[in-house]
Amino acid sequence: MGQSFAEIVRSMRERMMLSQEELAARCAPSVSTVRGLEAGRVGRPRPATVRQLAAVLNLSGADRDRLLAAARGEPSGPPLPA
């Protein structure tokens, strides 16, 4: 089973060595929104939010596709490496 959107955002943020506050400061979502996304309390994030997260996290290719699929509720593939 693939990772959830929340797990992917958290994993990618940690890979970039950003705190939730730093991630929020670099894109439109507030810190509470970033926390909600990572905790899975936000059902389906807005497409603009997902695009901003992908840009701030410097995602391209397969990582970006994985994040977009998970945001749509689609299978995201195997867990990302740490």
PDB file of N, CA and C in Angstrom:
ATOM      1  N   MET A   1       0.838  -1.178   0.000  1.00  0.00           N
ATOM      2  CA  MET A   1       0.000   0.000   0.000  1.00  0.00           C
ATOM      3  C   MET A   1       0.884   1.241   0.000  1.00  0.00           C
ATOM      4  N   GLY A   2       0.483   2.258  -0.719  1.00  0.00           N
ATOM      5  CA  GLY A   2       1.259   3.486  -0.814  1.00  0.00           C
ATOM      6  C   GLY A   2       1.099   4.370   0.404  1.00  0.00           C
ATOM      7  N   GLN A   3       1.891   5.393   0.426  1.00  0.00           N
ATOM      8  CA  GLN A   3       1.832   6.358   1.515  1.00  0.00           C
ATOM      9  C   GLN A   3       0.680   7.327   1.310  1.00  0.00           C
ATOM     10  N   SER A   4       0.169   7.850   2.399  1.00  0.00           N
ATOM     11  CA  SER A   4      -0.867   8.870   2.322  1.00  0.00           C
ATOM     12  C   SER A   4      -0.231  10.209   1.971  1.00  0.00           C
ATOM     13  N   PHE A   5      -1.061  11.156   1.586  1.00  0.00           N
ATOM     14  CA  PHE A   5      -0.582  12.501   1.309  1.00  0.00           C
ATOM     15  C   PHE A   5       0.150  13.053   2.524  1.00  0.00           C
ATOM     16  N   ALA A   6      -0.421  12.851   3.707  1.00  0.00           N
ATOM     17  CA  ALA A   6       0.191  13.342   4.945  1.00  0.00           C
ATOM     18  C   ALA A   6       1.594  12.770   5.133  1.00  0.00           C
ATOM     19  N   GLU A   7       1.736  11.483   4.926  1.00  0.00           N
ATOM     20  CA  GLU A   7       3.045  10.836   5.094  1.00  0.00           C
ATOM     21  C   GLU A   7       4.058  11.347   4.068  1.00  0.00           C
ATOM     22  N   ILE A   8       3.598  11.578   2.852  1.00  0.00           N
ATOM     23  CA  ILE A   8       4.497  12.064   1.803  1.00  0.00           C
ATOM     24  C   ILE A   8       4.969  13.482   2.111  1.00  0.00           C
ATOM     25  N   VAL A   9       4.044  14.353   2.496  1.00  0.00           N
ATOM     26  CA  VAL A   9       4.427  15.731   2.816  1.00  0.00           C
ATOM     27  C   VAL A   9       5.439  15.739   3.960  1.00  0.00           C
ATOM     28  N   ARG A  10       5.148  14.993   5.013  1.00  0.00           N
ATOM     29  CA  ARG A  10       6.056  14.945   6.162  1.00  0.00           C
ATOM     30  C   ARG A  10       7.427  14.412   5.754  1.00  0.00           C
ATOM     31  N   SER A  11       7.446  13.335   4.994  1.00  0.00           N
ATOM     32  CA  SER A  11       8.702  12.723   4.574  1.00  0.00           C
ATOM     33  C   SER A  11       9.531  13.677   3.716  1.00  0.00           C
ATOM     34  N   MET A  12       8.869  14.333   2.774  1.00  0.00           N
ATOM     35  CA  MET A  12       9.588  15.243   1.889  1.00  0.00           C
ATOM     36  C   MET A  12      10.062  16.488   2.638  1.00  0.00           C
ATOM     37  N   ARG A  13       9.252  16.983   3.562  1.00  0.00           N
ATOM     38  CA  ARG A  13       9.662  18.134   4.362  1.00  0.00           C
ATOM     39  C   ARG A  13      10.882  17.784   5.197  1.00  0.00           C
ATOM     40  N   GLU A  14      10.854  16.628   5.819  1.00  0.00           N
ATOM     41  CA  GLU A  14      11.986  16.196   6.636  1.00  0.00           C
ATOM     42  C   GLU A  14      13.227  15.971   5.782  1.00  0.00           C
ATOM     43  N   ARG A  15      13.038  15.458   4.579  1.00  0.00           N
ATOM     44  CA  ARG A  15      14.169  15.246   3.677  1.00  0.00           C
ATOM     45  C   ARG A  15      14.833  16.571   3.318  1.00  0.00           C
ATOM     46  N   MET A  16      14.029  17.633   3.235  1.00  0.00           N
ATOM     47  CA  MET A  16      14.552  18.973   2.950  1.00  0.00           C
ATOM     48  C   MET A  16      15.077  19.649   4.227  1.00  0.00           C
ATOM     49  N   MET A  17      14.944  18.957   5.356  1.00  0.00           N
ATOM     50  CA  MET A  17      15.367  19.460   6.665  1.00  0.00           C
ATOM     51  C   MET A  17      14.691  20.791   7.002  1.00  0.00           C
ATOM     52  N   LEU A  18      13.377  20.836   6.754  1.00  0.00           N
ATOM     53  CA  LEU A  18      12.575  22.006   7.081  1.00  0.00           C
ATOM     54  C   LEU A  18      11.647  21.682   8.235  1.00  0.00           C
ATOM     55  N   SER A  19      11.437  22.648   9.110  1.00  0.00           N
ATOM     56  CA  SER A  19      10.412  22.498  10.136  1.00  0.00           C
ATOM     57  C   SER A  19       9.065  22.805   9.486  1.00  0.00           C
ATOM     58  N   GLN A  20       7.994  22.495  10.189  1.00  0.00           N
ATOM     59  CA  GLN A  20       6.679  22.841   9.667  1.00  0.00           C
ATOM     60  C   GLN A  20       6.559  24.359   9.506  1.00  0.00           C
ATOM     61  N   GLU A  21       7.131  25.090  10.444  1.00  0.00           N
ATOM     62  CA  GLU A  21       7.093  26.546  10.391  1.00  0.00           C
ATOM     63  C   GLU A  21       7.848  27.072   9.168  1.00  0.00           C
ATOM     64  N   GLU A  22       9.011  26.487   8.887  1.00  0.00           N
ATOM     65  CA  GLU A  22       9.800  26.920   7.727  1.00  0.00           C
ATOM     66  C   GLU A  22       9.071  26.619   6.426  1.00  0.00           C
ATOM     67  N   LEU A  23       8.443  25.452   6.352  1.00  0.00           N
ATOM     68  CA  LEU A  23       7.690  25.107   5.150  1.00  0.00           C
ATOM     69  C   LEU A  23       6.540  26.088   4.959  1.00  0.00           C
ATOM     70  N   ALA A  24       5.807  26.365   6.027  1.00  0.00           N
ATOM     71  CA  ALA A  24       4.674  27.289   5.938  1.00  0.00           C
ATOM     72  C   ALA A  24       5.129  28.688   5.531  1.00  0.00           C
ATOM     73  N   ALA A  25       6.287  29.120   6.029  1.00  0.00           N
ATOM     74  CA  ALA A  25       6.792  30.452   5.702  1.00  0.00           C
ATOM     75  C   ALA A  25       7.169  30.570   4.223  1.00  0.00           C
ATOM     76  N   ARG A  26       7.483  29.450   3.591  1.00  0.00           N
ATOM     77  CA  ARG A  26       7.904  29.472   2.188  1.00  0.00           C
ATOM     78  C   ARG A  26       6.757  29.326   1.209  1.00  0.00           C
ATOM     79  N   CYS A  27       5.573  28.994   1.698  1.00  0.00           N
ATOM     80  CA  CYS A  27       4.419  28.869   0.809  1.00  0.00           C
ATOM     81  C   CYS A  27       3.181  29.397   1.507  1.00  0.00           C
ATOM     82  N   ALA A  28       2.075  29.401   0.822  1.00  0.00           N
ATOM     83  CA  ALA A  28       0.856  30.037   1.316  1.00  0.00           C
ATOM     84  C   ALA A  28       0.233  29.387   2.549  1.00  0.00           C
ATOM     85  N   PRO A  29       0.243  28.066   2.708  1.00  0.00           N
ATOM     86  CA  PRO A  29      -0.446  27.499   3.860  1.00  0.00           C
ATOM     87  C   PRO A  29       0.140  28.002   5.176  1.00  0.00           C
ATOM     88  N   SER A  30      -0.730  28.149   6.161  1.00  0.00           N
ATOM     89  CA  SER A  30      -0.279  28.530   7.490  1.00  0.00           C
ATOM     90  C   SER A  30       0.372  27.325   8.168  1.00  0.00           C
ATOM     91  N   VAL A  31       1.020  27.582   9.278  1.00  0.00           N
ATOM     92  CA  VAL A  31       1.636  26.489  10.037  1.00  0.00           C
ATOM     93  C   VAL A  31       0.561  25.497  10.461  1.00  0.00           C
ATOM     94  N   SER A  32      -0.592  25.993  10.885  1.00  0.00           N
ATOM     95  CA  SER A  32      -1.657  25.072  11.302  1.00  0.00           C
ATOM     96  C   SER A  32      -2.145  24.224  10.134  1.00  0.00           C
ATOM     97  N   THR A  33      -2.142  24.773   8.914  1.00  0.00           N
ATOM     98  CA  THR A  33      -2.524  23.990   7.738  1.00  0.00           C
ATOM     99  C   THR A  33      -1.487  22.920   7.453  1.00  0.00           C
ATOM    100  N   VAL A  34      -0.205  23.277   7.522  1.00  0.00           N
ATOM    101  CA  VAL A  34       0.855  22.290   7.306  1.00  0.00           C
ATOM    102  C   VAL A  34       0.730  21.172   8.337  1.00  0.00           C
ATOM    103  N   ARG A  35       0.505  21.538   9.593  1.00  0.00           N
ATOM    104  CA  ARG A  35       0.325  20.518  10.638  1.00  0.00           C
ATOM    105  C   ARG A  35      -0.878  19.635  10.349  1.00  0.00           C
ATOM    106  N   GLY A  36      -1.972  20.271   9.916  1.00  0.00           N
ATOM    107  CA  GLY A  36      -3.177  19.511   9.579  1.00  0.00           C
ATOM    108  C   GLY A  36      -2.966  18.579   8.410  1.00  0.00           C
ATOM    109  N   LEU A  37      -2.221  19.046   7.404  1.00  0.00           N
ATOM    110  CA  LEU A  37      -1.912  18.191   6.244  1.00  0.00           C
ATOM    111  C   LEU A  37      -1.098  16.984   6.681  1.00  0.00           C
ATOM    112  N   GLU A  38      -0.073  17.231   7.492  1.00  0.00           N
ATOM    113  CA  GLU A  38       0.802  16.132   7.919  1.00  0.00           C
ATOM    114  C   GLU A  38       0.105  15.175   8.883  1.00  0.00           C
ATOM    115  N   ALA A  39      -0.865  15.670   9.616  1.00  0.00           N
ATOM    116  CA  ALA A  39      -1.597  14.819  10.557  1.00  0.00           C
ATOM    117  C   ALA A  39      -2.759  14.096   9.881  1.00  0.00           C
ATOM    118  N   GLY A  40      -3.025  14.444   8.632  1.00  0.00           N
ATOM    119  CA  GLY A  40      -4.121  13.804   7.914  1.00  0.00           C
ATOM    120  C   GLY A  40      -5.483  14.380   8.277  1.00  0.00           C
ATOM    121  N   ARG A  41      -5.500  15.550   8.920  1.00  0.00           N
ATOM    122  CA  ARG A  41      -6.770  16.176   9.298  1.00  0.00           C
ATOM    123  C   ARG A  41      -7.391  16.964   8.155  1.00  0.00           C
ATOM    124  N   VAL A  42      -6.635  17.192   7.094  1.00  0.00           N
ATOM    125  CA  VAL A  42      -7.154  17.893   5.920  1.00  0.00           C
ATOM    126  C   VAL A  42      -7.481  16.828   4.891  1.00  0.00           C
ATOM    127  N   GLY A  43      -8.754  16.719   4.530  1.00  0.00           N
ATOM    128  CA  GLY A  43      -9.170  15.673   3.599  1.00  0.00           C
ATOM    129  C   GLY A  43      -8.433  15.721   2.285  1.00  0.00           C
ATOM    130  N   ARG A  44      -8.869  16.560   1.408  1.00  0.00           N
ATOM    131  CA  ARG A  44      -8.200  16.743   0.121  1.00  0.00           C
ATOM    132  C   ARG A  44      -7.709  18.183   0.055  1.00  0.00           C
ATOM    133  N   PRO A  45      -6.414  18.369  -0.018  1.00  0.00           N
ATOM    134  CA  PRO A  45      -5.886  19.728  -0.094  1.00  0.00           C
ATOM    135  C   PRO A  45      -6.233  20.382  -1.426  1.00  0.00           C
ATOM    136  N   ARG A  46      -6.293  21.690  -1.411  1.00  0.00           N
ATOM    137  CA  ARG A  46      -6.572  22.429  -2.648  1.00  0.00           C
ATOM    138  C   ARG A  46      -5.423  22.232  -3.628  1.00  0.00           C
ATOM    139  N   PRO A  47      -5.734  22.138  -4.925  1.00  0.00           N
ATOM    140  CA  PRO A  47      -4.681  21.961  -5.930  1.00  0.00           C
ATOM    141  C   PRO A  47      -3.597  23.032  -5.853  1.00  0.00           C
ATOM    142  N   ALA A  48      -3.987  24.276  -5.593  1.00  0.00           N
ATOM    143  CA  ALA A  48      -2.986  25.351  -5.497  1.00  0.00           C
ATOM    144  C   ALA A  48      -2.026  25.093  -4.336  1.00  0.00           C
ATOM    145  N   THR A  49      -2.545  24.585  -3.241  1.00  0.00           N
ATOM    146  CA  THR A  49      -1.704  24.271  -2.078  1.00  0.00           C
ATOM    147  C   THR A  49      -0.720  23.166  -2.427  1.00  0.00           C
ATOM    148  N   VAL A  50      -1.191  22.147  -3.118  1.00  0.00           N
ATOM    149  CA  VAL A  50      -0.322  21.030  -3.504  1.00  0.00           C
ATOM    150  C   VAL A  50       0.776  21.512  -4.450  1.00  0.00           C
ATOM    151  N   ARG A  51       0.418  22.353  -5.404  1.00  0.00           N
ATOM    152  CA  ARG A  51       1.421  22.896  -6.330  1.00  0.00           C
ATOM    153  C   ARG A  51       2.461  23.726  -5.581  1.00  0.00           C
ATOM    154  N   GLN A  52       2.023  24.527  -4.636  1.00  0.00           N
ATOM    155  CA  GLN A  52       2.954  25.338  -3.850  1.00  0.00           C
ATOM    156  C   GLN A  52       3.882  24.451  -3.027  1.00  0.00           C
ATOM    157  N   LEU A  53       3.327  23.429  -2.406  1.00  0.00           N
ATOM    158  CA  LEU A  53       4.160  22.509  -1.629  1.00  0.00           C
ATOM    159  C   LEU A  53       5.192  21.837  -2.528  1.00  0.00           C
ATOM    160  N   ALA A  54       4.767  21.390  -3.702  1.00  0.00           N
ATOM    161  CA  ALA A  54       5.691  20.730  -4.630  1.00  0.00           C
ATOM    162  C   ALA A  54       6.815  21.677  -5.038  1.00  0.00           C
ATOM    163  N   ALA A  55       6.484  22.934  -5.265  1.00  0.00           N
ATOM    164  CA  ALA A  55       7.501  23.907  -5.658  1.00  0.00           C
ATOM    165  C   ALA A  55       8.469  24.179  -4.516  1.00  0.00           C
ATOM    166  N   VAL A  56       7.948  24.412  -3.319  1.00  0.00           N
ATOM    167  CA  VAL A  56       8.794  24.715  -2.163  1.00  0.00           C
ATOM    168  C   VAL A  56       9.675  23.529  -1.801  1.00  0.00           C
ATOM    169  N   LEU A  57       9.133  22.324  -1.946  1.00  0.00           N
ATOM    170  CA  LEU A  57       9.901  21.117  -1.633  1.00  0.00           C
ATOM    171  C   LEU A  57      10.806  20.707  -2.791  1.00  0.00           C
ATOM    172  N   ASN A  58      10.792  21.517  -3.857  1.00  0.00           N
ATOM    173  CA  ASN A  58      11.674  21.289  -5.009  1.00  0.00           C
ATOM    174  C   ASN A  58      11.463  19.904  -5.623  1.00  0.00           C
ATOM    175  N   LEU A  59      10.191  19.538  -5.795  1.00  0.00           N
ATOM    176  CA  LEU A  59       9.856  18.220  -6.325  1.00  0.00           C
ATOM    177  C   LEU A  59       9.721  18.261  -7.836  1.00  0.00           C
ATOM    178  N   SER A  60      10.164  17.210  -8.453  1.00  0.00           N
ATOM    179  CA  SER A  60       9.977  17.044  -9.889  1.00  0.00           C
ATOM    180  C   SER A  60       9.861  15.562 -10.166  1.00  0.00           C
ATOM    181  N   GLY A  61       9.481  15.252 -11.369  1.00  0.00           N
ATOM    182  CA  GLY A  61       9.407  13.855 -11.786  1.00  0.00           C
ATOM    183  C   GLY A  61       8.519  12.999 -10.917  1.00  0.00           C
ATOM    184  N   ALA A  62       9.052  11.843 -10.534  1.00  0.00           N
ATOM    185  CA  ALA A  62       8.284  10.843  -9.796  1.00  0.00           C
ATOM    186  C   ALA A  62       7.820  11.354  -8.435  1.00  0.00           C
ATOM    187  N   ASP A  63       8.655  12.146  -7.747  1.00  0.00           N
ATOM    188  CA  ASP A  63       8.253  12.662  -6.433  1.00  0.00           C
ATOM    189  C   ASP A  63       7.053  13.598  -6.557  1.00  0.00           C
ATOM    190  N   ARG A  64       7.073  14.466  -7.556  1.00  0.00           N
ATOM    191  CA  ARG A  64       5.950  15.385  -7.773  1.00  0.00           C
ATOM    192  C   ARG A  64       4.693  14.589  -8.144  1.00  0.00           C
ATOM    193  N   ASP A  65       4.837  13.622  -9.020  1.00  0.00           N
ATOM    194  CA  ASP A  65       3.698  12.790  -9.424  1.00  0.00           C
ATOM    195  C   ASP A  65       3.111  12.051  -8.228  1.00  0.00           C
ATOM    196  N   ARG A  66       3.971  11.562  -7.360  1.00  0.00           N
ATOM    197  CA  ARG A  66       3.527  10.833  -6.161  1.00  0.00           C
ATOM    198  C   ARG A  66       2.712  11.748  -5.249  1.00  0.00           C
ATOM    199  N   LEU A  67       3.200  12.973  -5.045  1.00  0.00           N
ATOM    200  CA  LEU A  67       2.493  13.928  -4.194  1.00  0.00           C
ATOM    201  C   LEU A  67       1.136  14.285  -4.804  1.00  0.00           C
ATOM    202  N   LEU A  68       1.104  14.562  -6.097  1.00  0.00           N
ATOM    203  CA  LEU A  68      -0.150  14.923  -6.765  1.00  0.00           C
ATOM    204  C   LEU A  68      -1.159  13.777  -6.712  1.00  0.00           C
ATOM    205  N   ALA A  69      -0.703  12.545  -6.939  1.00  0.00           N
ATOM    206  CA  ALA A  69      -1.601  11.386  -6.883  1.00  0.00           C
ATOM    207  C   ALA A  69      -2.166  11.211  -5.480  1.00  0.00           C
ATOM    208  N   ALA A  70      -1.314  11.328  -4.479  1.00  0.00           N
ATOM    209  CA  ALA A  70      -1.769  11.163  -3.093  1.00  0.00           C
ATOM    210  C   ALA A  70      -2.776  12.250  -2.722  1.00  0.00           C
ATOM    211  N   ALA A  71      -2.562  13.468  -3.210  1.00  0.00           N
ATOM    212  CA  ALA A  71      -3.495  14.569  -2.934  1.00  0.00           C
ATOM    213  C   ALA A  71      -4.868  14.292  -3.535  1.00  0.00           C
ATOM    214  N   ARG A  72      -4.891  13.567  -4.646  1.00  0.00           N
ATOM    215  CA  ARG A  72      -6.162  13.200  -5.290  1.00  0.00           C
ATOM    216  C   ARG A  72      -6.764  11.942  -4.682  1.00  0.00           C
ATOM    217  N   GLY A  73      -6.066  11.334  -3.728  1.00  0.00           N
ATOM    218  CA  GLY A  73      -6.568  10.117  -3.101  1.00  0.00           C
ATOM    219  C   GLY A  73      -6.246   8.859  -3.879  1.00  0.00           C
ATOM    220  N   GLU A  74      -5.308   8.954  -4.826  1.00  0.00           N
ATOM    221  CA  GLU A  74      -4.927   7.809  -5.646  1.00  0.00           C
ATOM    222  C   GLU A  74      -3.734   7.098  -4.997  1.00  0.00           C
ATOM    223  N   PRO A  75      -3.510   5.841  -5.344  1.00  0.00           N
ATOM    224  CA  PRO A  75      -2.341   5.140  -4.817  1.00  0.00           C
ATOM    225  C   PRO A  75      -1.064   5.882  -5.172  1.00  0.00           C
ATOM    226  N   SER A  76      -0.143   5.934  -4.211  1.00  0.00           N
ATOM    227  CA  SER A  76       1.058   6.735  -4.417  1.00  0.00           C
ATOM    228  C   SER A  76       2.310   5.902  -4.589  1.00  0.00           C
ATOM    229  N   GLY A  77       2.211   4.596  -4.582  1.00  0.00           N
ATOM    230  CA  GLY A  77       3.380   3.761  -4.735  1.00  0.00           C
ATOM    231  C   GLY A  77       4.044   3.441  -3.407  1.00  0.00           C
ATOM    232  N   PRO A  78       5.204   2.813  -3.454  1.00  0.00           N
ATOM    233  CA  PRO A  78       5.878   2.396  -2.226  1.00  0.00           C
ATOM    234  C   PRO A  78       6.378   3.600  -1.440  1.00  0.00           C
ATOM    235  N   PRO A  79       6.657   3.421  -0.138  1.00  0.00           N
ATOM    236  CA  PRO A  79       7.158   4.515   0.692  1.00  0.00           C
ATOM    237  C   PRO A  79       8.435   5.114   0.126  1.00  0.00           C
ATOM    238  N   LEU A  80       8.604   6.397   0.349  1.00  0.00           N
ATOM    239  CA  LEU A  80       9.808   7.098  -0.079  1.00  0.00           C
ATOM    240  C   LEU A  80      10.978   6.716   0.808  1.00  0.00           C
ATOM    241  N   PRO A  81      12.180   6.674   0.248  1.00  0.00           N
ATOM    242  CA  PRO A  81      13.345   6.410   1.076  1.00  0.00           C
ATOM    243  C   PRO A  81      13.612   7.589   1.995  1.00  0.00           C
ATOM    244  N   ALA A  82      14.177   7.307   3.146  1.00  0.00           N
ATOM    245  CA  ALA A  82      14.452   8.374   4.129  1.00  0.00           C
ATOM    246  C   ALA A  82      15.595   9.249   3.690  1.00  0.00           C
TER     247      ALA A  82
END
